[in-house]
Amino acid sequence: MPHAVKPALQQVWPPADRRPDDISPERMALAALRHEIDQLDDEILALFERRLAIAARVGRAKDAPAGPHLKLRPDREQAVLRRISARARPENRETVNSLWREVVGHGLARQGPIRVQVWAPLEPARAYDAARRRFGAAAEMRVADDPEAALRWAAEGQGVAVLAVNAGQPWWIGLRRQWTSLSVFEGFGGAAPTALALGKIDPAALPAGPRVLVGAGGDAGDGAGRRVGLATHHGWTLSLADAPLPVGGPEGCVGAIA
């Protein structure tokens, strides 16, 4: 049986007996392409709304929805983005990654509000924009005046704190002593991050990647595995290590970044 033409495709341009004489083949081809885009938009919309509905169901199915941890699962987000990025054409990979960050962010927002506080006195716009790209337009973003207040807010389970590393206040020292319920789970600014994201993240849900260490004494470049120093203050060091260290262990691991 021959393939039937969809009725909608027959309405891309007027019938021949009512078509103006000045419609060129090029304009007819353009109309057909625009019609195809409209159809694709309808399909994308339907799939996106279906994904949002499933994301809401996932939120209800997660263990301990009102428990001690945020509903963020950086490991799951990392796996989704890696899989999608691997399937994308190389020339589209950056665009796809950016788009999927928004898709994932809106899905997470269906499971509960995503609140983010950003403290970066030296380059506030850069840190704020990086956090916005990471958490998407669905996140409730605001600028924090004080890193300690942002840490206290995050430790209460209110949301995520994004804090600059080298801005004159070594807030990160407190991750070993005062803010032990918080875990670093994202870095911004390249291989040597200039800002870190923290929240009440289940340590089992941290992404695969360099571990974030806070250590007393020694050199940030010493220790098991390759280390990258990020900041120092009065003998304390903040660094990254390529070693599978447990959070809260004697090595001073306070999280991981993708």
C-alpha atoms as a PDB file:
ATOM      1  CA  MET A   1       0.000   0.000   0.000  1.00  0.00           C
ATOM      2  CA  PRO A   2       1.529   3.335  -1.010  1.00  0.00           C
ATOM      3  CA  HIS A   3       2.470   5.734   1.777  1.00  0.00           C
ATOM      4  CA  ALA A   4      -0.368   8.178   2.410  1.00  0.00           C
ATOM      5  CA  VAL A   5       0.393  11.875   2.546  1.00  0.00           C
ATOM      6  CA  LYS A   6      -0.648  13.484   5.822  1.00  0.00           C
ATOM      7  CA  PRO A   7      -3.604  15.839   5.313  1.00  0.00           C
ATOM      8  CA  ALA A   8      -1.752  18.656   7.098  1.00  0.00           C
ATOM      9  CA  LEU A   9       1.001  18.599   4.508  1.00  0.00           C
ATOM     10  CA  GLN A  10      -1.531  19.379   1.772  1.00  0.00           C
ATOM     11  CA  GLN A  11      -2.209  22.766   3.389  1.00  0.00           C
ATOM     12  CA  VAL A  12       1.351  24.105   3.309  1.00  0.00           C
ATOM     13  CA  TRP A  13       0.450  26.401   0.429  1.00  0.00           C
ATOM     14  CA  PRO A  14      -2.823  27.171  -1.420  1.00  0.00           C
ATOM     15  CA  PRO A  15      -4.160  24.813  -4.076  1.00  0.00           C
ATOM     16  CA  ALA A  16      -2.889  25.447  -7.588  1.00  0.00           C
ATOM     17  CA  ASP A  17      -6.182  27.020  -8.776  1.00  0.00           C
ATOM     18  CA  ARG A  18      -6.009  29.632  -5.968  1.00  0.00           C
ATOM     19  CA  ARG A  19      -2.272  30.146  -5.853  1.00  0.00           C
ATOM     20  CA  PRO A  20      -0.924  33.587  -6.838  1.00  0.00           C
ATOM     21  CA  ASP A  21       1.182  33.532  -9.951  1.00  0.00           C
ATOM     22  CA  ASP A  22       4.166  35.061  -8.125  1.00  0.00           C
ATOM     23  CA  ILE A  23       4.755  32.133  -5.718  1.00  0.00           C
ATOM     24  CA  SER A  24       8.113  30.733  -6.748  1.00  0.00           C
ATOM     25  CA  PRO A  25       9.378  27.197  -6.167  1.00  0.00           C
ATOM     26  CA  GLU A  26      11.782  28.642  -3.598  1.00  0.00           C
ATOM     27  CA  ARG A  27       8.922  30.186  -1.589  1.00  0.00           C
ATOM     28  CA  MET A  28       6.984  26.944  -1.793  1.00  0.00           C
ATOM     29  CA  ALA A  29      10.024  25.047  -0.508  1.00  0.00           C
ATOM     30  CA  LEU A  30      10.435  27.552   2.345  1.00  0.00           C
ATOM     31  CA  ALA A  31       6.774  27.133   3.290  1.00  0.00           C
ATOM     32  CA  ALA A  32       7.219  23.348   3.375  1.00  0.00           C
ATOM     33  CA  LEU A  33      10.295  23.654   5.638  1.00  0.00           C
ATOM     34  CA  ARG A  34       8.474  25.985   8.010  1.00  0.00           C
ATOM     35  CA  HIS A  35       5.566  23.594   8.139  1.00  0.00           C
ATOM     36  CA  GLU A  36       7.941  20.764   9.002  1.00  0.00           C
ATOM     37  CA  ILE A  37       9.433  22.883  11.816  1.00  0.00           C
ATOM     38  CA  ASP A  38       5.918  23.534  13.153  1.00  0.00           C
ATOM     39  CA  GLN A  39       5.262  19.814  13.243  1.00  0.00           C
ATOM     40  CA  LEU A  40       8.547  19.163  15.020  1.00  0.00           C
ATOM     41  CA  ASP A  41       7.744  21.874  17.562  1.00  0.00           C
ATOM     42  CA  ASP A  42       4.459  20.141  18.317  1.00  0.00           C
ATOM     43  CA  GLU A  43       6.238  16.820  18.814  1.00  0.00           C
ATOM     44  CA  ILE A  44       8.932  18.383  21.019  1.00  0.00           C
ATOM     45  CA  LEU A  45       6.293  20.116  23.139  1.00  0.00           C
ATOM     46  CA  ALA A  46       4.377  16.890  23.673  1.00  0.00           C
ATOM     47  CA  LEU A  47       7.530  15.010  24.659  1.00  0.00           C
ATOM     48  CA  PHE A  48       8.725  17.809  26.950  1.00  0.00           C
ATOM     49  CA  GLU A  49       5.423  17.972  28.797  1.00  0.00           C
ATOM     50  CA  ARG A  50       5.476  14.197  29.126  1.00  0.00           C
ATOM     51  CA  ARG A  51       8.991  14.401  30.586  1.00  0.00           C
ATOM     52  CA  LEU A  52       7.891  17.034  33.114  1.00  0.00           C
ATOM     53  CA  ALA A  53       5.028  14.819  34.230  1.00  0.00           C
ATOM     54  CA  ILE A  54       7.377  11.856  34.701  1.00  0.00           C
ATOM     55  CA  ALA A  55       9.888  14.052  36.566  1.00  0.00           C
ATOM     56  CA  ALA A  56       7.143  14.995  39.019  1.00  0.00           C
ATOM     57  CA  ARG A  57       6.418  11.295  39.571  1.00  0.00           C
ATOM     58  CA  VAL A  58      10.140  10.647  40.120  1.00  0.00           C
ATOM     59  CA  GLY A  59      10.154  13.307  42.826  1.00  0.00           C
ATOM     60  CA  ARG A  60       7.317  11.562  44.635  1.00  0.00           C
ATOM     61  CA  ALA A  61       9.050   8.188  44.282  1.00  0.00           C
ATOM     62  CA  LYS A  62      12.456   9.286  45.609  1.00  0.00           C
ATOM     63  CA  ASP A  63      13.477   7.933  48.969  1.00  0.00           C
ATOM     64  CA  ALA A  64      12.839  10.234  51.941  1.00  0.00           C
ATOM     65  CA  PRO A  65      11.318  13.142  49.982  1.00  0.00           C
ATOM     66  CA  ALA A  66      11.268  15.216  53.189  1.00  0.00           C
ATOM     67  CA  GLY A  67      14.544  13.781  54.512  1.00  0.00           C
ATOM     68  CA  PRO A  68      17.871  15.427  55.315  1.00  0.00           C
ATOM     69  CA  HIS A  69      19.117  15.755  51.739  1.00  0.00           C
ATOM     70  CA  LEU A  70      18.106  17.926  48.814  1.00  0.00           C
ATOM     71  CA  LYS A  71      16.435  16.141  45.932  1.00  0.00           C
ATOM     72  CA  LEU A  72      19.377  16.975  43.678  1.00  0.00           C
ATOM     73  CA  ARG A  73      21.177  13.913  42.284  1.00  0.00           C
ATOM     74  CA  PRO A  74      24.361  15.229  40.634  1.00  0.00           C
ATOM     75  CA  ASP A  75      25.415  11.695  39.698  1.00  0.00           C
ATOM     76  CA  ARG A  76      22.170  11.099  37.802  1.00  0.00           C
ATOM     77  CA  GLU A  77      22.365  14.498  36.079  1.00  0.00           C
ATOM     78  CA  GLN A  78      25.949  13.736  35.066  1.00  0.00           C
ATOM     79  CA  ALA A  79      24.930  10.369  33.600  1.00  0.00           C
ATOM     80  CA  VAL A  80      22.026  11.910  31.649  1.00  0.00           C
ATOM     81  CA  LEU A  81      24.158  14.696  30.215  1.00  0.00           C
ATOM     82  CA  ARG A  82      27.014  12.359  29.288  1.00  0.00           C
ATOM     83  CA  ARG A  83      24.676   9.984  27.491  1.00  0.00           C
ATOM     84  CA  ILE A  84      22.942  12.762  25.558  1.00  0.00           C
ATOM     85  CA  SER A  85      26.242  14.487  24.738  1.00  0.00           C
ATOM     86  CA  ALA A  86      27.695  11.230  23.409  1.00  0.00           C
ATOM     87  CA  ARG A  87      24.696  10.796  21.101  1.00  0.00           C
ATOM     88  CA  ALA A  88      24.819  14.356  19.782  1.00  0.00           C
ATOM     89  CA  ARG A  89      26.766  15.325  16.696  1.00  0.00           C
ATOM     90  CA  PRO A  90      30.078  16.989  17.625  1.00  0.00           C
ATOM     91  CA  GLU A  91      29.073  20.313  16.087  1.00  0.00           C
ATOM     92  CA  ASN A  92      25.863  20.312  18.148  1.00  0.00           C
ATOM     93  CA  ARG A  93      27.302  19.069  21.452  1.00  0.00           C
ATOM     94  CA  GLU A  94      27.666  22.435  23.195  1.00  0.00           C
ATOM     95  CA  THR A  95      24.160  23.498  22.201  1.00  0.00           C
ATOM     96  CA  VAL A  96      22.683  20.159  23.267  1.00  0.00           C
ATOM     97  CA  ASN A  97      24.422  20.323  26.659  1.00  0.00           C
ATOM     98  CA  SER A  98      23.050  23.816  27.281  1.00  0.00           C
ATOM     99  CA  LEU A  99      19.545  22.796  26.205  1.00  0.00           C
ATOM    100  CA  TRP A 100      19.552  19.682  28.367  1.00  0.00           C
ATOM    101  CA  ARG A 101      20.650  21.656  31.415  1.00  0.00           C
ATOM    102  CA  GLU A 102      17.419  23.620  31.027  1.00  0.00           C
ATOM    103  CA  VAL A 103      15.369  20.474  30.459  1.00  0.00           C
ATOM    104  CA  VAL A 104      16.821  18.810  33.557  1.00  0.00           C
ATOM    105  CA  GLY A 105      16.437  21.991  35.604  1.00  0.00           C
ATOM    106  CA  HIS A 106      12.751  22.362  34.784  1.00  0.00           C
ATOM    107  CA  GLY A 107      12.225  18.685  35.571  1.00  0.00           C
ATOM    108  CA  LEU A 108      13.859  19.126  38.984  1.00  0.00           C
ATOM    109  CA  ALA A 109      11.696  22.166  39.639  1.00  0.00           C
ATOM    110  CA  ARG A 110       8.635  19.894  39.343  1.00  0.00           C
ATOM    111  CA  GLN A 111      10.012  17.953  42.314  1.00  0.00           C
ATOM    112  CA  GLY A 112      10.365  21.074  44.444  1.00  0.00           C
ATOM    113  CA  PRO A 113      11.789  24.603  44.233  1.00  0.00           C
ATOM    114  CA  ILE A 114      15.470  24.971  43.383  1.00  0.00           C
ATOM    115  CA  ARG A 115      16.913  27.883  45.347  1.00  0.00           C
ATOM    116  CA  VAL A 116      20.453  29.159  44.824  1.00  0.00           C
ATOM    117  CA  GLN A 117      22.435  31.846  46.640  1.00  0.00           C
ATOM    118  CA  VAL A 118      25.597  33.185  44.988  1.00  0.00           C
ATOM    119  CA  TRP A 119      28.446  34.923  46.809  1.00  0.00           C
ATOM    120  CA  ALA A 120      31.266  36.209  44.592  1.00  0.00           C
ATOM    121  CA  PRO A 121      32.365  39.753  45.479  1.00  0.00           C
ATOM    122  CA  LEU A 122      35.173  39.919  42.904  1.00  0.00           C
ATOM    123  CA  GLU A 123      33.344  38.701  39.764  1.00  0.00           C
ATOM    124  CA  PRO A 124      29.654  38.476  40.750  1.00  0.00           C
ATOM    125  CA  ALA A 125      28.237  38.509  37.224  1.00  0.00           C
ATOM    126  CA  ARG A 126      30.512  35.704  36.062  1.00  0.00           C
ATOM    127  CA  ALA A 127      29.659  33.454  39.018  1.00  0.00           C
ATOM    128  CA  TYR A 128      25.964  34.274  38.807  1.00  0.00           C
ATOM    129  CA  ASP A 129      25.826  33.486  35.086  1.00  0.00           C
ATOM    130  CA  ALA A 130      27.708  30.196  35.597  1.00  0.00           C
ATOM    131  CA  ALA A 131      25.264  29.175  38.316  1.00  0.00           C
ATOM    132  CA  ARG A 132      22.315  30.134  36.122  1.00  0.00           C
ATOM    133  CA  ARG A 133      23.636  27.972  33.287  1.00  0.00           C
ATOM    134  CA  ARG A 134      24.145  25.070  35.699  1.00  0.00           C
ATOM    135  CA  PHE A 135      20.766  25.163  37.441  1.00  0.00           C
ATOM    136  CA  GLY A 136      18.649  26.627  34.622  1.00  0.00           C
ATOM    137  CA  ALA A 137      16.016  29.315  34.363  1.00  0.00           C
ATOM    138  CA  ALA A 138      13.674  27.413  36.699  1.00  0.00           C
ATOM    139  CA  ALA A 139      15.982  28.008  39.683  1.00  0.00           C
ATOM    140  CA  GLU A 140      15.267  30.829  42.128  1.00  0.00           C
ATOM    141  CA  MET A 141      18.536  32.776  42.171  1.00  0.00           C
ATOM    142  CA  ARG A 142      19.723  35.587  44.395  1.00  0.00           C
ATOM    143  CA  VAL A 143      22.994  37.227  45.427  1.00  0.00           C
ATOM    144  CA  ALA A 144      24.255  36.558  48.964  1.00  0.00           C
ATOM    145  CA  ASP A 145      25.998  39.275  50.987  1.00  0.00           C
ATOM    146  CA  ASP A 146      27.888  36.956  53.316  1.00  0.00           C
ATOM    147  CA  PRO A 147      29.300  33.434  52.724  1.00  0.00           C
ATOM    148  CA  GLU A 148      28.709  32.314  56.316  1.00  0.00           C
ATOM    149  CA  ALA A 149      25.042  33.271  56.089  1.00  0.00           C
ATOM    150  CA  ALA A 150      24.753  31.419  52.765  1.00  0.00           C
ATOM    151  CA  LEU A 151      26.366  28.327  54.335  1.00  0.00           C
ATOM    152  CA  ARG A 152      23.980  28.473  57.283  1.00  0.00           C
ATOM    153  CA  TRP A 153      21.044  28.759  54.876  1.00  0.00           C
ATOM    154  CA  ALA A 154      22.273  25.775  52.850  1.00  0.00           C
ATOM    155  CA  ALA A 155      22.908  23.726  56.020  1.00  0.00           C
ATOM    156  CA  GLU A 156      19.252  24.265  56.936  1.00  0.00           C
ATOM    157  CA  GLY A 157      18.327  22.506  53.691  1.00  0.00           C
ATOM    158  CA  GLN A 158      16.981  25.669  52.070  1.00  0.00           C
ATOM    159  CA  GLY A 159      18.946  25.277  48.838  1.00  0.00           C
ATOM    160  CA  VAL A 160      22.368  25.533  47.197  1.00  0.00           C
ATOM    161  CA  ALA A 161      25.167  27.977  48.012  1.00  0.00           C
ATOM    162  CA  VAL A 162      27.568  28.943  45.219  1.00  0.00           C
ATOM    163  CA  LEU A 163      30.613  30.575  46.818  1.00  0.00           C
ATOM    164  CA  ALA A 164      33.780  32.088  45.367  1.00  0.00           C
ATOM    165  CA  VAL A 165      36.992  30.384  46.451  1.00  0.00           C
ATOM    166  CA  ASN A 166      39.551  33.217  46.434  1.00  0.00           C
ATOM    167  CA  ALA A 167      37.670  36.274  47.647  1.00  0.00           C
ATOM    168  CA  GLY A 168      39.390  37.055  50.933  1.00  0.00           C
ATOM    169  CA  GLN A 169      37.203  34.872  53.174  1.00  0.00           C
ATOM    170  CA  PRO A 170      38.293  31.225  53.635  1.00  0.00           C
ATOM    171  CA  TRP A 171      34.763  29.939  54.291  1.00  0.00           C
ATOM    172  CA  TRP A 172      35.803  26.518  53.002  1.00  0.00           C
ATOM    173  CA  ILE A 173      37.800  25.801  56.179  1.00  0.00           C
ATOM    174  CA  GLY A 174      34.487  25.390  57.989  1.00  0.00           C
ATOM    175  CA  LEU A 175      33.548  22.399  55.836  1.00  0.00           C
ATOM    176  CA  ARG A 176      35.784  20.274  58.085  1.00  0.00           C
ATOM    177  CA  ARG A 177      34.434  21.643  61.363  1.00  0.00           C
ATOM    178  CA  GLN A 178      31.166  23.558  61.215  1.00  0.00           C
ATOM    179  CA  TRP A 179      29.382  22.664  57.983  1.00  0.00           C
ATOM    180  CA  THR A 180      29.875  18.907  57.916  1.00  0.00           C
ATOM    181  CA  SER A 181      26.329  18.312  56.611  1.00  0.00           C
ATOM    182  CA  LEU A 182      27.221  20.101  53.364  1.00  0.00           C
ATOM    183  CA  SER A 183      28.951  18.579  50.342  1.00  0.00           C
ATOM    184  CA  VAL A 184      30.605  20.270  47.388  1.00  0.00           C
ATOM    185  CA  PHE A 185      29.095  18.889  44.189  1.00  0.00           C
ATOM    186  CA  GLU A 186      29.959  21.335  41.396  1.00  0.00           C
ATOM    187  CA  GLY A 187      32.761  23.676  40.380  1.00  0.00           C
ATOM    188  CA  PHE A 188      32.674  26.765  38.156  1.00  0.00           C
ATOM    189  CA  GLY A 189      35.512  28.381  36.264  1.00  0.00           C
ATOM    190  CA  GLY A 190      37.350  25.525  34.559  1.00  0.00           C
ATOM    191  CA  ALA A 191      39.719  22.785  35.690  1.00  0.00           C
ATOM    192  CA  ALA A 192      40.736  24.900  38.703  1.00  0.00           C
ATOM    193  CA  PRO A 193      37.346  26.220  39.854  1.00  0.00           C
ATOM    194  CA  THR A 194      36.980  29.770  41.115  1.00  0.00           C
ATOM    195  CA  ALA A 195      33.620  28.999  42.776  1.00  0.00           C
ATOM    196  CA  LEU A 196      32.031  25.902  44.283  1.00  0.00           C
ATOM    197  CA  ALA A 197      28.421  24.771  44.730  1.00  0.00           C
ATOM    198  CA  LEU A 198      27.436  23.220  48.058  1.00  0.00           C
ATOM    199  CA  GLY A 199      24.283  21.732  49.501  1.00  0.00           C
ATOM    200  CA  LYS A 200      22.904  18.952  51.649  1.00  0.00           C
ATOM    201  CA  ILE A 201      23.688  16.356  49.012  1.00  0.00           C
ATOM    202  CA  ASP A 202      23.617  12.643  49.725  1.00  0.00           C
ATOM    203  CA  PRO A 203      27.329  11.626  49.495  1.00  0.00           C
ATOM    204  CA  ALA A 204      26.241   8.594  47.471  1.00  0.00           C
ATOM    205  CA  ALA A 205      24.826  10.978  44.858  1.00  0.00           C
ATOM    206  CA  LEU A 206      28.026  12.964  44.239  1.00  0.00           C
ATOM    207  CA  PRO A 207      29.257  13.077  40.634  1.00  0.00           C
ATOM    208  CA  ALA A 208      32.210  11.070  39.376  1.00  0.00           C
ATOM    209  CA  GLY A 209      35.230  13.341  39.198  1.00  0.00           C
ATOM    210  CA  PRO A 210      37.947  15.035  41.259  1.00  0.00           C
ATOM    211  CA  ARG A 211      37.410  15.006  45.017  1.00  0.00           C
ATOM    212  CA  VAL A 212      37.458  18.301  46.897  1.00  0.00           C
ATOM    213  CA  LEU A 213      39.797  18.281  49.898  1.00  0.00           C
ATOM    214  CA  VAL A 214      40.305  20.622  52.841  1.00  0.00           C
ATOM    215  CA  GLY A 215      43.543  19.828  54.686  1.00  0.00           C
ATOM    216  CA  ALA A 216      45.583  21.330  57.500  1.00  0.00           C
ATOM    217  CA  GLY A 217      49.280  21.818  56.834  1.00  0.00           C
ATOM    218  CA  GLY A 218      51.371  20.521  53.994  1.00  0.00           C
ATOM    219  CA  ASP A 219      51.372  21.512  50.362  1.00  0.00           C
ATOM    220  CA  ALA A 220      48.215  21.503  48.258  1.00  0.00           C
ATOM    221  CA  GLY A 221      50.163  19.541  45.659  1.00  0.00           C
ATOM    222  CA  ASP A 222      51.114  16.679  47.979  1.00  0.00           C
ATOM    223  CA  GLY A 223      49.138  13.580  48.869  1.00  0.00           C
ATOM    224  CA  ALA A 224      47.620  10.528  47.239  1.00  0.00           C
ATOM    225  CA  GLY A 225      46.894  11.021  43.573  1.00  0.00           C
ATOM    226  CA  ARG A 226      47.404  14.149  41.475  1.00  0.00           C
ATOM    227  CA  ARG A 227      46.316  17.302  43.295  1.00  0.00           C
ATOM    228  CA  VAL A 228      45.474  20.798  42.135  1.00  0.00           C
ATOM    229  CA  GLY A 229      45.661  23.567  44.737  1.00  0.00           C
ATOM    230  CA  LEU A 230      42.787  26.050  44.757  1.00  0.00           C
ATOM    231  CA  ALA A 231      43.386  28.202  47.856  1.00  0.00           C
ATOM    232  CA  THR A 232      45.421  28.405  51.068  1.00  0.00           C
ATOM    233  CA  HIS A 233      44.898  30.217  54.368  1.00  0.00           C
ATOM    234  CA  HIS A 234      46.954  30.005  57.575  1.00  0.00           C
ATOM    235  CA  GLY A 235      48.164  26.498  56.823  1.00  0.00           C
ATOM    236  CA  TRP A 236      44.840  25.215  55.515  1.00  0.00           C
ATOM    237  CA  THR A 237      44.605  24.142  51.871  1.00  0.00           C
ATOM    238  CA  LEU A 238      41.708  23.674  49.489  1.00  0.00           C
ATOM    239  CA  SER A 239      42.537  21.328  46.634  1.00  0.00           C
ATOM    240  CA  LEU A 240      41.286  18.773  44.130  1.00  0.00           C
ATOM    241  CA  ALA A 241      42.539  15.184  44.048  1.00  0.00           C
ATOM    242  CA  ASP A 242      42.175  12.438  41.465  1.00  0.00           C
ATOM    243  CA  ALA A 243      41.583   9.765  44.078  1.00  0.00           C
ATOM    244  CA  PRO A 244      38.347   7.986  45.103  1.00  0.00           C
ATOM    245  CA  LEU A 245      38.310   9.310  48.680  1.00  0.00           C
ATOM    246  CA  PRO A 246      35.247   9.023  50.929  1.00  0.00           C
ATOM    247  CA  VAL A 247      33.492  12.173  52.100  1.00  0.00           C
ATOM    248  CA  GLY A 248      34.179  12.899  55.766  1.00  0.00           C
ATOM    249  CA  GLY A 249      37.222  10.641  55.924  1.00  0.00           C
ATOM    250  CA  PRO A 250      40.608  11.509  57.451  1.00  0.00           C
ATOM    251  CA  GLU A 251      41.870  12.859  54.116  1.00  0.00           C
ATOM    252  CA  GLY A 252      39.510  15.821  54.450  1.00  0.00           C
ATOM    253  CA  CYS A 253      37.284  15.069  51.468  1.00  0.00           C
ATOM    254  CA  VAL A 254      34.284  17.419  51.473  1.00  0.00           C
ATOM    255  CA  GLY A 255      32.763  16.573  48.090  1.00  0.00           C
ATOM    256  CA  ALA A 256      33.421  16.047  44.401  1.00  0.00           C
ATOM    257  CA  ILE A 257      32.951  17.907  41.127  1.00  0.00           C
ATOM    258  CA  ALA A 258      32.159  16.600  37.680  1.00  0.00           C
END
